[in-house]
Every structure is written in C-alpha cells, then in structure tokens.
Amino acid sequence: SLAVPAVPAGLAFAHPVNVWLVANHLKHGMGTVRALGEDGEPLPTAA
C-alpha cells in the first residue's frame, strides 16, 4: 500500500515527457496519424 502514492508521482513525471515526445514526432501515441488519418478518421484498409 506504500507503493500506491508512487503511481501518481510517476505519472506526473512521465506524462509531460511523453506529450513532448509525441508532439515532436519522436514517439507515436496510441492513435497515430498513420492509424487514424489526419482528422482522426480510420485510414483505408492496409496493404
């Protein structure tokens, strides 16, 4: 139960770094442009 407070602390440090990485195209998010298209619409079927 002492480890429970570590979860929000880890999120507080990791989330801004991940947002920066995704915003600068150094990492992709779960719903990427190649998966959802420019406007969030699903792309046509894969090759």
PDB file of all heavy atoms in Angstrom:
ATOM      1  N   SER A   1       0.828  -1.202   0.000  1.00  0.00           N
ATOM      2  CA  SER A   1       0.000   0.000   0.000  1.00  0.00           C
ATOM      3  C   SER A   1       0.868   1.261   0.000  1.00  0.00           C
ATOM      4  O   SER A   1       0.431   2.321  -0.434  1.00  0.00           O
ATOM      5  CB  SER A   1      -0.948   0.006   1.195  1.00  0.00           C
ATOM      6  OG  SER A   1      -0.233   0.193   2.391  1.00  0.00           O
ATOM      7  N   LEU A   2       2.102   1.151   0.465  1.00  0.00           N
ATOM      8  CA  LEU A   2       3.005   2.293   0.429  1.00  0.00           C
ATOM      9  C   LEU A   2       3.426   2.638  -1.000  1.00  0.00           C
ATOM     10  O   LEU A   2       3.842   3.764  -1.274  1.00  0.00           O
ATOM     11  CB  LEU A   2       4.249   2.015   1.275  1.00  0.00           C
ATOM     12  CG  LEU A   2       4.008   1.913   2.777  1.00  0.00           C
ATOM     13  CD1 LEU A   2       5.298   1.501   3.485  1.00  0.00           C
ATOM     14  CD2 LEU A   2       3.486   3.226   3.327  1.00  0.00           C
ATOM     15  N   ALA A   3       3.314   1.684  -1.921  1.00  0.00           N
ATOM     16  CA  ALA A   3       3.699   1.926  -3.310  1.00  0.00           C
ATOM     17  C   ALA A   3       2.629   2.684  -4.083  1.00  0.00           C
ATOM     18  O   ALA A   3       2.902   3.257  -5.129  1.00  0.00           O
ATOM     19  CB  ALA A   3       3.996   0.607  -4.009  1.00  0.00           C
ATOM     20  N   VAL A   4       1.402   2.715  -3.578  1.00  0.00           N
ATOM     21  CA  VAL A   4       0.309   3.370  -4.292  1.00  0.00           C
ATOM     22  C   VAL A   4       0.589   4.847  -4.579  1.00  0.00           C
ATOM     23  O   VAL A   4       0.330   5.313  -5.690  1.00  0.00           O
ATOM     24  CB  VAL A   4      -1.027   3.166  -3.536  1.00  0.00           C
ATOM     25  CG1 VAL A   4      -2.149   3.981  -4.153  1.00  0.00           C
ATOM     26  CG2 VAL A   4      -1.379   1.688  -3.523  1.00  0.00           C
ATOM     27  N   PRO A   5       1.123   5.636  -3.647  1.00  0.00           N
ATOM     28  CA  PRO A   5       1.407   7.042  -3.973  1.00  0.00           C
ATOM     29  C   PRO A   5       2.474   7.211  -5.066  1.00  0.00           C
ATOM     30  O   PRO A   5       2.567   8.267  -5.683  1.00  0.00           O
ATOM     31  CB  PRO A   5       1.908   7.636  -2.656  1.00  0.00           C
ATOM     32  CG  PRO A   5       1.403   6.726  -1.604  1.00  0.00           C
ATOM     33  CD  PRO A   5       1.333   5.374  -2.233  1.00  0.00           C
ATOM     34  N   ALA A   6       3.260   6.186  -5.328  1.00  0.00           N
ATOM     35  CA  ALA A   6       4.291   6.293  -6.362  1.00  0.00           C
ATOM     36  C   ALA A   6       3.690   6.322  -7.762  1.00  0.00           C
ATOM     37  O   ALA A   6       4.293   6.857  -8.688  1.00  0.00           O
ATOM     38  CB  ALA A   6       5.275   5.142  -6.241  1.00  0.00           C
ATOM     39  N   VAL A   7       2.506   5.773  -7.935  1.00  0.00           N
ATOM     40  CA  VAL A   7       1.885   5.732  -9.263  1.00  0.00           C
ATOM     41  C   VAL A   7       1.569   7.143  -9.761  1.00  0.00           C
ATOM     42  O   VAL A   7       1.975   7.508 -10.867  1.00  0.00           O
ATOM     43  CB  VAL A   7       0.644   4.816  -9.260  1.00  0.00           C
ATOM     44  CG1 VAL A   7      -0.089   4.881 -10.588  1.00  0.00           C
ATOM     45  CG2 VAL A   7       1.049   3.386  -8.938  1.00  0.00           C
ATOM     46  N   PRO A   8       0.861   7.971  -9.014  1.00  0.00           N
ATOM     47  CA  PRO A   8       0.630   9.341  -9.500  1.00  0.00           C
ATOM     48  C   PRO A   8       1.922  10.139  -9.649  1.00  0.00           C
ATOM     49  O   PRO A   8       2.039  10.977 -10.544  1.00  0.00           O
ATOM     50  CB  PRO A   8      -0.277   9.977  -8.437  1.00  0.00           C
ATOM     51  CG  PRO A   8      -0.812   8.865  -7.632  1.00  0.00           C
ATOM     52  CD  PRO A   8       0.126   7.719  -7.771  1.00  0.00           C
ATOM     53  N   ALA A   9       2.884   9.880  -8.792  1.00  0.00           N
ATOM     54  CA  ALA A   9       4.159  10.594  -8.906  1.00  0.00           C
ATOM     55  C   ALA A   9       4.852  10.220 -10.211  1.00  0.00           C
ATOM     56  O   ALA A   9       5.370  11.086 -10.922  1.00  0.00           O
ATOM     57  CB  ALA A   9       5.055  10.268  -7.714  1.00  0.00           C
ATOM     58  N   GLY A  10       4.858   8.939 -10.546  1.00  0.00           N
ATOM     59  CA  GLY A  10       5.451   8.505 -11.813  1.00  0.00           C
ATOM     60  C   GLY A  10       4.721   9.095 -13.000  1.00  0.00           C
ATOM     61  O   GLY A  10       5.331   9.523 -13.980  1.00  0.00           O
ATOM     62  N   LEU A  11       3.391   9.146 -12.923  1.00  0.00           N
ATOM     63  CA  LEU A  11       2.595   9.735 -13.994  1.00  0.00           C
ATOM     64  C   LEU A  11       2.907  11.225 -14.133  1.00  0.00           C
ATOM     65  O   LEU A  11       3.026  11.734 -15.249  1.00  0.00           O
ATOM     66  CB  LEU A  11       1.106   9.535 -13.724  1.00  0.00           C
ATOM     67  CG  LEU A  11       0.156  10.146 -14.741  1.00  0.00           C
ATOM     68  CD1 LEU A  11       0.325   9.482 -16.090  1.00  0.00           C
ATOM     69  CD2 LEU A  11      -1.271  10.034 -14.261  1.00  0.00           C
ATOM     70  N   ALA A  12       3.054  11.909 -13.021  1.00  0.00           N
ATOM     71  CA  ALA A  12       3.334  13.344 -13.059  1.00  0.00           C
ATOM     72  C   ALA A  12       4.658  13.649 -13.756  1.00  0.00           C
ATOM     73  O   ALA A  12       4.799  14.676 -14.407  1.00  0.00           O
ATOM     74  CB  ALA A  12       3.343  13.909 -11.635  1.00  0.00           C
ATOM     75  N   PHE A  13       5.621  12.761 -13.624  1.00  0.00           N
ATOM     76  CA  PHE A  13       6.911  12.976 -14.280  1.00  0.00           C
ATOM     77  C   PHE A  13       6.924  12.442 -15.710  1.00  0.00           C
ATOM     78  O   PHE A  13       7.518  13.049 -16.597  1.00  0.00           O
ATOM     79  CB  PHE A  13       8.038  12.314 -13.486  1.00  0.00           C
ATOM     80  CG  PHE A  13       8.379  13.052 -12.222  1.00  0.00           C
ATOM     81  CD1 PHE A  13       8.033  12.530 -10.998  1.00  0.00           C
ATOM     82  CD2 PHE A  13       9.029  14.265 -12.270  1.00  0.00           C
ATOM     83  CE1 PHE A  13       8.335  13.209  -9.828  1.00  0.00           C
ATOM     84  CE2 PHE A  13       9.335  14.965 -11.115  1.00  0.00           C
ATOM     85  CZ  PHE A  13       8.984  14.435  -9.890  1.00  0.00           C
ATOM     86  N   ALA A  14       6.282  11.314 -15.952  1.00  0.00           N
ATOM     87  CA  ALA A  14       6.354  10.682 -17.267  1.00  0.00           C
ATOM     88  C   ALA A  14       5.429  11.329 -18.292  1.00  0.00           C
ATOM     89  O   ALA A  14       5.784  11.427 -19.469  1.00  0.00           O
ATOM     90  CB  ALA A  14       6.026   9.195 -17.144  1.00  0.00           C
ATOM     91  N   HIS A  15       4.254  11.764 -17.884  1.00  0.00           N
ATOM     92  CA  HIS A  15       3.279  12.284 -18.843  1.00  0.00           C
ATOM     93  C   HIS A  15       3.781  13.502 -19.622  1.00  0.00           C
ATOM     94  O   HIS A  15       3.680  13.515 -20.856  1.00  0.00           O
ATOM     95  CB  HIS A  15       1.948  12.593 -18.145  1.00  0.00           C
ATOM     96  CG  HIS A  15       0.882  13.038 -19.087  1.00  0.00           C
ATOM     97  ND1 HIS A  15       0.295  12.182 -19.985  1.00  0.00           N
ATOM     98  CD2 HIS A  15       0.337  14.262 -19.287  1.00  0.00           C
ATOM     99  CE1 HIS A  15      -0.586  12.866 -20.702  1.00  0.00           C
ATOM    100  NE2 HIS A  15      -0.572  14.129 -20.286  1.00  0.00           N
ATOM    101  N   PRO A  16       4.325  14.526 -18.974  1.00  0.00           N
ATOM    102  CA  PRO A  16       4.815  15.672 -19.760  1.00  0.00           C
ATOM    103  C   PRO A  16       5.927  15.289 -20.742  1.00  0.00           C
ATOM    104  O   PRO A  16       5.986  15.821 -21.856  1.00  0.00           O
ATOM    105  CB  PRO A  16       5.343  16.644 -18.710  1.00  0.00           C
ATOM    106  CG  PRO A  16       4.691  16.248 -17.438  1.00  0.00           C
ATOM    107  CD  PRO A  16       4.447  14.777 -17.540  1.00  0.00           C
ATOM    108  N   VAL A  17       6.777  14.361 -20.349  1.00  0.00           N
ATOM    109  CA  VAL A  17       7.848  13.922 -21.246  1.00  0.00           C
ATOM    110  C   VAL A  17       7.245  13.210 -22.455  1.00  0.00           C
ATOM    111  O   VAL A  17       7.634  13.457 -23.600  1.00  0.00           O
ATOM    112  CB  VAL A  17       8.854  13.012 -20.510  1.00  0.00           C
ATOM    113  CG1 VAL A  17       9.866  12.414 -21.467  1.00  0.00           C
ATOM    114  CG2 VAL A  17       9.559  13.795 -19.406  1.00  0.00           C
ATOM    115  N   ASN A  18       6.271  12.335 -22.224  1.00  0.00           N
ATOM    116  CA  ASN A  18       5.627  11.620 -23.329  1.00  0.00           C
ATOM    117  C   ASN A  18       4.873  12.566 -24.250  1.00  0.00           C
ATOM    118  O   ASN A  18       4.905  12.411 -25.475  1.00  0.00           O
ATOM    119  CB  ASN A  18       4.697  10.527 -22.798  1.00  0.00           C
ATOM    120  CG  ASN A  18       5.463   9.331 -22.321  1.00  0.00           C
ATOM    121  OD1 ASN A  18       6.467   8.950 -22.895  1.00  0.00           O
ATOM    122  ND2 ASN A  18       4.985   8.728 -21.246  1.00  0.00           N
ATOM    123  N   VAL A  19       4.192  13.556 -23.681  1.00  0.00           N
ATOM    124  CA  VAL A  19       3.481  14.537 -24.506  1.00  0.00           C
ATOM    125  C   VAL A  19       4.471  15.283 -25.397  1.00  0.00           C
ATOM    126  O   VAL A  19       4.221  15.485 -26.590  1.00  0.00           O
ATOM    127  CB  VAL A  19       2.681  15.515 -23.616  1.00  0.00           C
ATOM    128  CG1 VAL A  19       2.195  16.722 -24.409  1.00  0.00           C
ATOM    129  CG2 VAL A  19       1.519  14.803 -22.958  1.00  0.00           C
ATOM    130  N   TRP A  20       5.604  15.681 -24.839  1.00  0.00           N
ATOM    131  CA  TRP A  20       6.626  16.381 -25.624  1.00  0.00           C
ATOM    132  C   TRP A  20       7.165  15.486 -26.740  1.00  0.00           C
ATOM    133  O   TRP A  20       7.338  15.933 -27.870  1.00  0.00           O
ATOM    134  CB  TRP A  20       7.758  16.839 -24.702  1.00  0.00           C
ATOM    135  CG  TRP A  20       8.801  17.639 -25.399  1.00  0.00           C
ATOM    136  CD1 TRP A  20       8.771  18.980 -25.649  1.00  0.00           C
ATOM    137  CD2 TRP A  20      10.025  17.163 -25.951  1.00  0.00           C
ATOM    138  NE1 TRP A  20       9.911  19.350 -26.317  1.00  0.00           N
ATOM    139  CE2 TRP A  20      10.699  18.253 -26.525  1.00  0.00           C
ATOM    140  CE3 TRP A  20      10.623  15.907 -26.018  1.00  0.00           C
ATOM    141  CZ2 TRP A  20      11.921  18.135 -27.143  1.00  0.00           C
ATOM    142  CZ3 TRP A  20      11.858  15.790 -26.646  1.00  0.00           C
ATOM    143  CH2 TRP A  20      12.495  16.894 -27.198  1.00  0.00           C
ATOM    144  N   LEU A  21       7.431  14.218 -26.422  1.00  0.00           N
ATOM    145  CA  LEU A  21       7.953  13.294 -27.431  1.00  0.00           C
ATOM    146  C   LEU A  21       6.956  13.089 -28.570  1.00  0.00           C
ATOM    147  O   LEU A  21       7.335  13.092 -29.748  1.00  0.00           O
ATOM    148  CB  LEU A  21       8.302  11.955 -26.790  1.00  0.00           C
ATOM    149  CG  LEU A  21       9.512  11.939 -25.874  1.00  0.00           C
ATOM    150  CD1 LEU A  21       9.588  10.620 -25.111  1.00  0.00           C
ATOM    151  CD2 LEU A  21      10.787  12.180 -26.657  1.00  0.00           C
ATOM    152  N   VAL A  22       5.676  12.941 -28.251  1.00  0.00           N
ATOM    153  CA  VAL A  22       4.653  12.753 -29.283  1.00  0.00           C
ATOM    154  C   VAL A  22       4.493  14.031 -30.097  1.00  0.00           C
ATOM    155  O   VAL A  22       4.421  13.990 -31.331  1.00  0.00           O
ATOM    156  CB  VAL A  22       3.312  12.313 -28.657  1.00  0.00           C
ATOM    157  CG1 VAL A  22       2.194  12.335 -29.689  1.00  0.00           C
ATOM    158  CG2 VAL A  22       3.439  10.923 -28.043  1.00  0.00           C
ATOM    159  N   ALA A  23       4.457  15.179 -29.434  1.00  0.00           N
ATOM    160  CA  ALA A  23       4.280  16.457 -30.139  1.00  0.00           C
ATOM    161  C   ALA A  23       5.424  16.749 -31.099  1.00  0.00           C
ATOM    162  O   ALA A  23       5.226  17.395 -32.132  1.00  0.00           O
ATOM    163  CB  ALA A  23       4.148  17.593 -29.130  1.00  0.00           C
ATOM    164  N   ASN A  24       6.612  16.254 -30.792  1.00  0.00           N
ATOM    165  CA  ASN A  24       7.774  16.499 -31.646  1.00  0.00           C
ATOM    166  C   ASN A  24       8.109  15.323 -32.546  1.00  0.00           C
ATOM    167  O   ASN A  24       9.196  15.251 -33.104  1.00  0.00           O
ATOM    168  CB  ASN A  24       8.981  16.867 -30.769  1.00  0.00           C
ATOM    169  CG  ASN A  24       8.819  18.237 -30.183  1.00  0.00           C
ATOM    170  OD1 ASN A  24       8.851  19.228 -30.895  1.00  0.00           O
ATOM    171  ND2 ASN A  24       8.593  18.306 -28.884  1.00  0.00           N
ATOM    172  N   HIS A  25       7.162  14.402 -32.703  1.00  0.00           N
ATOM    173  CA  HIS A  25       7.292  13.259 -33.609  1.00  0.00           C
ATOM    174  C   HIS A  25       8.502  12.381 -33.300  1.00  0.00           C
ATOM    175  O   HIS A  25       9.092  11.790 -34.194  1.00  0.00           O
ATOM    176  CB  HIS A  25       7.340  13.716 -35.068  1.00  0.00           C
ATOM    177  CG  HIS A  25       6.182  14.563 -35.462  1.00  0.00           C
ATOM    178  ND1 HIS A  25       4.898  14.080 -35.540  1.00  0.00           N
ATOM    179  CD2 HIS A  25       6.094  15.882 -35.754  1.00  0.00           C
ATOM    180  CE1 HIS A  25       4.083  15.059 -35.880  1.00  0.00           C
ATOM    181  NE2 HIS A  25       4.787  16.170 -36.015  1.00  0.00           N
ATOM    182  N   LEU A  26       8.886  12.314 -32.035  1.00  0.00           N
ATOM    183  CA  LEU A  26       9.965  11.418 -31.637  1.00  0.00           C
ATOM    184  C   LEU A  26       9.400  10.103 -31.106  1.00  0.00           C
ATOM    185  O   LEU A  26      10.130   9.147 -30.900  1.00  0.00           O
ATOM    186  CB  LEU A  26      10.836  12.078 -30.567  1.00  0.00           C
ATOM    187  CG  LEU A  26      11.555  13.335 -31.038  1.00  0.00           C
ATOM    188  CD1 LEU A  26      12.224  14.029 -29.875  1.00  0.00           C
ATOM    189  CD2 LEU A  26      12.564  12.990 -32.116  1.00  0.00           C
ATOM    190  N   LYS A  27       8.104  10.081 -30.880  1.00  0.00           N
ATOM    191  CA  LYS A  27       7.405   8.904 -30.390  1.00  0.00           C
ATOM    192  C   LYS A  27       5.987   9.012 -30.914  1.00  0.00           C
ATOM    193  O   LYS A  27       5.461  10.104 -31.097  1.00  0.00           O
ATOM    194  CB  LYS A  27       7.417   8.920 -28.857  1.00  0.00           C
ATOM    195  CG  LYS A  27       6.619   7.850 -28.211  1.00  0.00           C
ATOM    196  CD  LYS A  27       6.611   8.020 -26.699  1.00  0.00           C
ATOM    197  CE  LYS A  27       5.715   6.958 -26.111  1.00  0.00           C
ATOM    198  NZ  LYS A  27       5.508   7.134 -24.702  1.00  0.00           N
ATOM    199  N   HIS A  28       5.366   7.871 -31.176  1.00  0.00           N
ATOM    200  CA  HIS A  28       3.981   7.938 -31.624  1.00  0.00           C
ATOM    201  C   HIS A  28       3.059   7.589 -30.468  1.00  0.00           C
ATOM    202  O   HIS A  28       3.401   6.843 -29.562  1.00  0.00           O
ATOM    203  CB  HIS A  28       3.722   7.035 -32.823  1.00  0.00           C
ATOM    204  CG  HIS A  28       3.980   5.584 -32.548  1.00  0.00           C
ATOM    205  ND1 HIS A  28       3.086   4.792 -31.866  1.00  0.00           N
ATOM    206  CD2 HIS A  28       5.025   4.793 -32.843  1.00  0.00           C
ATOM    207  CE1 HIS A  28       3.573   3.570 -31.762  1.00  0.00           C
ATOM    208  NE2 HIS A  28       4.750   3.554 -32.341  1.00  0.00           N
ATOM    209  N   GLY A  29       1.876   8.173 -30.504  1.00  0.00           N
ATOM    210  CA  GLY A  29       0.873   7.873 -29.490  1.00  0.00           C
ATOM    211  C   GLY A  29       0.089   6.646 -29.896  1.00  0.00           C
ATOM    212  O   GLY A  29       0.392   5.969 -30.879  1.00  0.00           O
ATOM    213  N   MET A  30      -0.953   6.355 -29.155  1.00  0.00           N
ATOM    214  CA  MET A  30      -1.748   5.168 -29.451  1.00  0.00           C
ATOM    215  C   MET A  30      -2.622   5.385 -30.675  1.00  0.00           C
ATOM    216  O   MET A  30      -2.928   4.456 -31.399  1.00  0.00           O
ATOM    217  CB  MET A  30      -2.593   4.787 -28.240  1.00  0.00           C
ATOM    218  CG  MET A  30      -1.746   4.290 -27.094  1.00  0.00           C
ATOM    219  SD  MET A  30      -2.681   3.874 -25.644  1.00  0.00           S
ATOM    220  CE  MET A  30      -3.583   2.456 -26.206  1.00  0.00           C
ATOM    221  N   GLY A  31      -3.073   6.579 -30.905  1.00  0.00           N
ATOM    222  CA  GLY A  31      -3.888   6.890 -32.071  1.00  0.00           C
ATOM    223  C   GLY A  31      -3.104   7.766 -33.012  1.00  0.00           C
ATOM    224  O   GLY A  31      -3.289   8.968 -33.059  1.00  0.00           O
ATOM    225  N   THR A  32      -2.200   7.195 -33.768  1.00  0.00           N
ATOM    226  CA  THR A  32      -1.297   7.975 -34.600  1.00  0.00           C
ATOM    227  C   THR A  32      -1.958   8.367 -35.909  1.00  0.00           C
ATOM    228  O   THR A  32      -3.000   7.841 -36.295  1.00  0.00           O
ATOM    229  CB  THR A  32      -0.020   7.176 -34.919  1.00  0.00           C
ATOM    230  OG1 THR A  32      -0.394   6.017 -35.656  1.00  0.00           O
ATOM    231  CG2 THR A  32       0.699   6.777 -33.651  1.00  0.00           C
ATOM    232  N   VAL A  33      -1.336   9.294 -36.598  1.00  0.00           N
ATOM    233  CA  VAL A  33      -1.828   9.734 -37.896  1.00  0.00           C
ATOM    234  C   VAL A  33      -1.868   8.562 -38.864  1.00  0.00           C
ATOM    235  O   VAL A  33      -2.801   8.414 -39.637  1.00  0.00           O
ATOM    236  CB  VAL A  33      -0.942  10.881 -38.450  1.00  0.00           C
ATOM    237  CG1 VAL A  33      -1.330  11.218 -39.869  1.00  0.00           C
ATOM    238  CG2 VAL A  33      -1.063  12.094 -37.561  1.00  0.00           C
ATOM    239  N   ARG A  34      -0.879   7.687 -38.812  1.00  0.00           N
ATOM    240  CA  ARG A  34      -0.872   6.571 -39.753  1.00  0.00           C
ATOM    241  C   ARG A  34      -1.963   5.556 -39.428  1.00  0.00           C
ATOM    242  O   ARG A  34      -2.345   4.771 -40.265  1.00  0.00           O
ATOM    243  CB  ARG A  34       0.497   5.909 -39.811  1.00  0.00           C
ATOM    244  CG  ARG A  34       0.872   5.170 -38.576  1.00  0.00           C
ATOM    245  CD  ARG A  34       2.163   4.383 -38.830  1.00  0.00           C
ATOM    246  NE  ARG A  34       2.521   3.685 -37.645  1.00  0.00           N
ATOM    247  CZ  ARG A  34       3.464   4.025 -36.801  1.00  0.00           C
ATOM    248  NH1 ARG A  34       4.193   5.081 -37.044  1.00  0.00           N
ATOM    249  NH2 ARG A  34       3.704   3.339 -35.727  1.00  0.00           N
ATOM    250  N   ALA A  35      -2.480   5.557 -38.197  1.00  0.00           N
ATOM    251  CA  ALA A  35      -3.548   4.630 -37.837  1.00  0.00           C
ATOM    252  C   ALA A  35      -4.925   5.267 -37.992  1.00  0.00           C
ATOM    253  O   ALA A  35      -5.880   4.601 -38.340  1.00  0.00           O
ATOM    254  CB  ALA A  35      -3.363   4.148 -36.402  1.00  0.00           C
ATOM    255  N   LEU A  36      -5.024   6.569 -37.733  1.00  0.00           N
ATOM    256  CA  LEU A  36      -6.324   7.231 -37.750  1.00  0.00           C
ATOM    257  C   LEU A  36      -6.504   8.224 -38.889  1.00  0.00           C
ATOM    258  O   LEU A  36      -7.609   8.665 -39.135  1.00  0.00           O
ATOM    259  CB  LEU A  36      -6.547   7.961 -36.418  1.00  0.00           C
ATOM    260  CG  LEU A  36      -6.605   7.086 -35.182  1.00  0.00           C
ATOM    261  CD1 LEU A  36      -6.765   7.952 -33.944  1.00  0.00           C
ATOM    262  CD2 LEU A  36      -7.732   6.085 -35.283  1.00  0.00           C
ATOM    263  N   GLY A  37      -5.440   8.614 -39.557  1.00  0.00           N
ATOM    264  CA  GLY A  37      -5.555   9.629 -40.590  1.00  0.00           C
ATOM    265  C   GLY A  37      -5.441  11.013 -39.979  1.00  0.00           C
ATOM    266  O   GLY A  37      -5.430  11.183 -38.766  1.00  0.00           O
ATOM    267  N   GLU A  38      -5.388  12.041 -40.810  1.00  0.00           N
ATOM    268  CA  GLU A  38      -5.164  13.409 -40.349  1.00  0.00           C
ATOM    269  C   GLU A  38      -6.275  13.913 -39.436  1.00  0.00           C
ATOM    270  O   GLU A  38      -6.037  14.614 -38.486  1.00  0.00           O
ATOM    271  CB  GLU A  38      -5.016  14.358 -41.540  1.00  0.00           C
ATOM    272  CG  GLU A  38      -3.721  14.203 -42.291  1.00  0.00           C
ATOM    273  CD  GLU A  38      -2.512  14.630 -41.473  1.00  0.00           C
ATOM    274  OE1 GLU A  38      -2.631  15.500 -40.597  1.00  0.00           O
ATOM    275  OE2 GLU A  38      -1.438  14.067 -41.719  1.00  0.00           O
ATOM    276  N   ASP A  39      -7.535  13.576 -39.737  1.00  0.00           N
ATOM    277  CA  ASP A  39      -8.656  14.112 -38.971  1.00  0.00           C
ATOM    278  C   ASP A  39      -9.224  13.107 -37.976  1.00  0.00           C
ATOM    279  O   ASP A  39     -10.335  13.261 -37.501  1.00  0.00           O
ATOM    280  CB  ASP A  39      -9.763  14.566 -39.921  1.00  0.00           C
ATOM    281  CG  ASP A  39      -9.282  15.678 -40.838  1.00  0.00           C
ATOM    282  OD1 ASP A  39      -8.526  16.552 -40.354  1.00  0.00           O
ATOM    283  OD2 ASP A  39      -9.640  15.663 -42.025  1.00  0.00           O
ATOM    284  N   GLY A  40      -8.473  12.051 -37.666  1.00  0.00           N
ATOM    285  CA  GLY A  40      -8.949  11.057 -36.723  1.00  0.00           C
ATOM    286  C   GLY A  40      -9.834  10.004 -37.358  1.00  0.00           C
ATOM    287  O   GLY A  40     -10.368   9.142 -36.676  1.00  0.00           O
ATOM    288  N   GLU A  41     -10.030  10.084 -38.666  1.00  0.00           N
ATOM    289  CA  GLU A  41     -10.840   9.086 -39.370  1.00  0.00           C
ATOM    290  C   GLU A  41      -9.976   7.875 -39.691  1.00  0.00           C
ATOM    291  O   GLU A  41      -8.806   8.015 -40.037  1.00  0.00           O
ATOM    292  CB  GLU A  41     -11.390   9.671 -40.674  1.00  0.00           C
ATOM    293  CG  GLU A  41     -12.333  10.835 -40.460  1.00  0.00           C
ATOM    294  CD  GLU A  41     -13.595  10.417 -39.730  1.00  0.00           C
ATOM    295  OE1 GLU A  41     -14.107   9.315 -39.981  1.00  0.00           O
ATOM    296  OE2 GLU A  41     -14.059  11.202 -38.886  1.00  0.00           O
ATOM    297  N   PRO A  42     -10.537   6.674 -39.588  1.00  0.00           N
ATOM    298  CA  PRO A  42      -9.747   5.481 -39.925  1.00  0.00           C
ATOM    299  C   PRO A  42      -9.264   5.534 -41.374  1.00  0.00           C
ATOM    300  O   PRO A  42      -9.986   5.986 -42.265  1.00  0.00           O
ATOM    301  CB  PRO A  42     -10.724   4.333 -39.719  1.00  0.00           C
ATOM    302  CG  PRO A  42     -11.776   4.881 -38.818  1.00  0.00           C
ATOM    303  CD  PRO A  42     -11.858   6.351 -39.109  1.00  0.00           C
ATOM    304  N   LEU A  43      -8.045   5.079 -41.584  1.00  0.00           N
ATOM    305  CA  LEU A  43      -7.483   5.017 -42.931  1.00  0.00           C
ATOM    306  C   LEU A  43      -8.086   3.845 -43.685  1.00  0.00           C
ATOM    307  O   LEU A  43      -8.633   2.922 -43.080  1.00  0.00           O
ATOM    308  CB  LEU A  43      -5.967   4.854 -42.843  1.00  0.00           C
ATOM    309  CG  LEU A  43      -5.207   6.045 -42.267  1.00  0.00           C
ATOM    310  CD1 LEU A  43      -3.737   5.697 -42.105  1.00  0.00           C
ATOM    311  CD2 LEU A  43      -5.359   7.253 -43.155  1.00  0.00           C
ATOM    312  N   PRO A  44      -8.000   3.856 -45.016  1.00  0.00           N
ATOM    313  CA  PRO A  44      -8.474   2.703 -45.775  1.00  0.00           C
ATOM    314  C   PRO A  44      -7.725   1.443 -45.348  1.00  0.00           C
ATOM    315  O   PRO A  44      -6.689   1.512 -44.695  1.00  0.00           O
ATOM    316  CB  PRO A  44      -8.154   3.059 -47.229  1.00  0.00           C
ATOM    317  CG  PRO A  44      -7.712   4.468 -47.230  1.00  0.00           C
ATOM    318  CD  PRO A  44      -7.459   4.897 -45.829  1.00  0.00           C
ATOM    319  N   THR A  45      -8.221   0.305 -45.752  1.00  0.00           N
ATOM    320  CA  THR A  45      -7.618  -0.961 -45.346  1.00  0.00           C
ATOM    321  C   THR A  45      -6.143  -1.005 -45.682  1.00  0.00           C
ATOM    322  O   THR A  45      -5.684  -0.369 -46.631  1.00  0.00           O
ATOM    323  CB  THR A  45      -8.325  -2.144 -46.031  1.00  0.00           C
ATOM    324  OG1 THR A  45      -8.229  -1.957 -47.445  1.00  0.00           O
ATOM    325  CG2 THR A  45      -9.770  -2.220 -45.601  1.00  0.00           C
ATOM    326  N   ALA A  46      -5.401  -1.757 -44.890  1.00  0.00           N
ATOM    327  CA  ALA A  46      -3.950  -1.861 -45.046  1.00  0.00           C
ATOM    328  C   ALA A  46      -3.592  -2.560 -46.340  1.00  0.00           C
ATOM    329  O   ALA A  46      -4.397  -3.265 -46.946  1.00  0.00           O
ATOM    330  CB  ALA A  46      -3.361  -2.621 -43.860  1.00  0.00           C
ATOM    331  N   ALA A  47      -2.339  -2.371 -46.752  1.00  0.00           N
ATOM    332  CA  ALA A  47      -1.827  -3.024 -47.951  1.00  0.00           C
ATOM    333  C   ALA A  47      -1.822  -4.526 -47.746  1.00  0.00           C
ATOM    334  O   ALA A  47      -1.724  -5.012 -46.628  1.00  0.00           O
ATOM    335  CB  ALA A  47      -0.418  -2.515 -48.247  1.00  0.00           C
TER     336      ALA A  47
END
